[in-house]
Structures are given as structure tokens and as C-alpha cells.
């Protein structure tokens, strides 16, 4: 009932004064204005103005990202470390959030907690946003009475994994954007510019250079069959995305190919190892048994090849095999990582050694991505120059040829 009530709630903006007479304002989710007024009075706030938040043009399409979850984790950890009660912390974090969807999610969880549910139980109702790792760590923190400490670990983990993802996306976004622009410019030249030169060349009364003729033929083909090419390309991309989303075998094939791709492959491998080590360190330091921890670690690697490998490791460790030996058997981890994990096992500091591995590979990923960006920029400019420059040269070759004859 509480969850359905929150789901039907409306965002309100309010202004008022606190117990000290200071003017304050904020946001609240409630069924109506009277509920907002009553809730504010319970908090010691005298409301002076309450109004519904107007919906912007894109407010209905707001989505919850993993970045939002990372920020939420950090805010909640900070609130609890400051001694603020859990329900009040949810109220503060939720009412101040700009994303309406995230605000509704936080208030839904708050309603469940107020209704007597444990935080881990309330979070488990939203598996789309809170994975097993998140829930297991929260549950361990609640049982050990150290929820703020575990939330801090979760926040650190989420921030670092999101930083790696953003770094890789940033490195790939620039070249992708430039290539798209190059493709669009090339199509525009083929459809609108080349035909003008073609009309000009018809009055020359001489054979055109082979390169020029190829470009003119390509222009005719694009103009005549372009819609079919566009339709075929759209169908191919749609089919690819459809099967990629629904076929695990295809995702595994793509992940395996990605690891073998020159330049990009090593970065993806290092990122997967960094996530593996960071997740293992976080889970083990929270007191989660190794076999149980490996279940969450597998899903956190971000690559199906590593996920399958870690699940095999879990099966071997559950039969008494050492983690070091299980890692060697997968043939997925560099010798340095295996040796550091072995030292951690022998010294009883597996969480610390895993954290050191994660720190090393996260920094390595940062450096590799920076180097990749530096390498791709001249390559992309060369591709852009060949595409556009080649078309321009092809159109001016007949003119140069006439000038040479004269």
C-alpha cells in the first residue's frame, strides 16, 4: 500500500521557516498539498508556500542512471555518518533530488522502511537499480550494525566503477562523433555537390579520369539506391541491437571479440580486472564469504567472458581449491594479479591486496584511455581528410588535366 501511495504521489515545491526562524525551501513527494503541510510540520517547518512542481518538456522521460545510484549511495552514507536517522536521511536526499524518477524511487524505499522493512529488503524490490552486490553489502551492514561504513564502501565502489565507464565512453565518443560527421559530409557531397560537377564535365567532350568516373558512378548509385541502403542499414542495426539484447551467445561472442580487438581489447581487459578486484575487495572486507562474494563479483566484471570465468572459479573454490589456483585455471588474469591475490590469501589480507590490484588497474585504464585518445585523433583526421579530400580531388582532376593540355 505504501509503495502504491508513493507511486501516485506528486512533486511539490515548498517554502517555509524552521524552528530557528530561518527561511528554507525544498521539494517533497506527496499525494496532495495537505500531506505536504502535515509532513513539514512534523519536521518542525512552518510552510508559507506550497505548490505543485510544473512538469518540464522532458520531465516525463527522465531516467535513473547508475550515476544517480552512485550519488545516492554517497549522500546516504554521508547522512548516516553524520548521525541522521535513516528515514530522515531518505527524506532529505529524496526531496532534494532533481530527477523526478529518482526522487520517486527514493521515496518508495523510504515508505517501505517506514513500514518496518529492512533497508536491504526494501532495496531488493528494485533489482533494476540495486544489484545483488549492493543488497548483500547493505544486508551485511545492517546485521553488523555498521550500515554507514558499508554504504561508504558501496559509494566508493560505485564511484570508481562509474569513473572507469565514463573514461572509456569518453574515449570512444569523440572518434565516433567525428566519423559520423565525416559520413554525413560525404553523403551530402555525393548527393548535392558531385551532380553539379557532373553536369559541368558533360560539356568537356573528353574522357574523365578513372578516379573521377568512379566517384561520379558512386554518386549516381547513392542517389538512385540511397534509400535502399539507408533502409538496409537501419534494418541491420535494429537486428543487431535486438539480438544483442536478447541473445547471451551473441553478447558472449561480441565480448570475446572485443577482448581480442587491437588497442581496445587490452583496455577492456584491464577494466574488467579492475572491476573484479574492486568488487572482490569490497565484498570480502564486508565479511561476505568468498564463495558467496564471487557470485556478485562475476556479474560486476562487465564482460561475459570474465563472468563465466569467475563463476568457474566459484565452483572450484567451493570444492576447496585456493582462489589463486582457480584464477590460474581460467587463463584470464595476468601473473601479477594472481601473485598479489596469492599473497593476500597467505597473509589474510585478501581485501587489501585486491584493493591494491584495483587501484593499479584503474590507474592503468586511465593512462591507456588517455593514450588512446591521443592516438585516435590523428588517425581520425587522416580518415576525414581521405574521405572529403578524395572527393574534392576527384572533382578537380579533369580541370587540372585540361589545364595541363592547354
Foldseek 3Di string as FASTA:
>chain_A
DLLVQLVQWFKKKWWFAAPVRDIDIWIDTGNDPVVVCVVCVVVRTHTDDMDTDDADPCLVVFDDDLVNVLVLLVQQLVCVVVVHDNLVSLRVVLGHDPRPVVSSLSSSLSSVVVVPDQSLVSVVVCCVRAPPLNSVLCVLCVVVVNNSVLSVLVSVLSVLLVVLVVLQCVLPVVLVVLVVVLVVVLLCCLAPVLVVLVVVVVPVPDDAPPLLVVSVVVSVCCNVCVVVVVVVVVVVVVVVVVCCVVPPVVQQVVLVVQLVDPLRNVLLLLSLLLLLLSQQLSCVVSVHDNLVSLQVSLVRSPHVLSSVLSPQLSVVVVVPDDSLVSVVVSVSDDPVLSVLCVVCVVVVNNSVSSNVSNVVSSVVSNVSSVVSSVVVVVVSVVVSCCSVVSNVCSSCVVVVVVVVVD
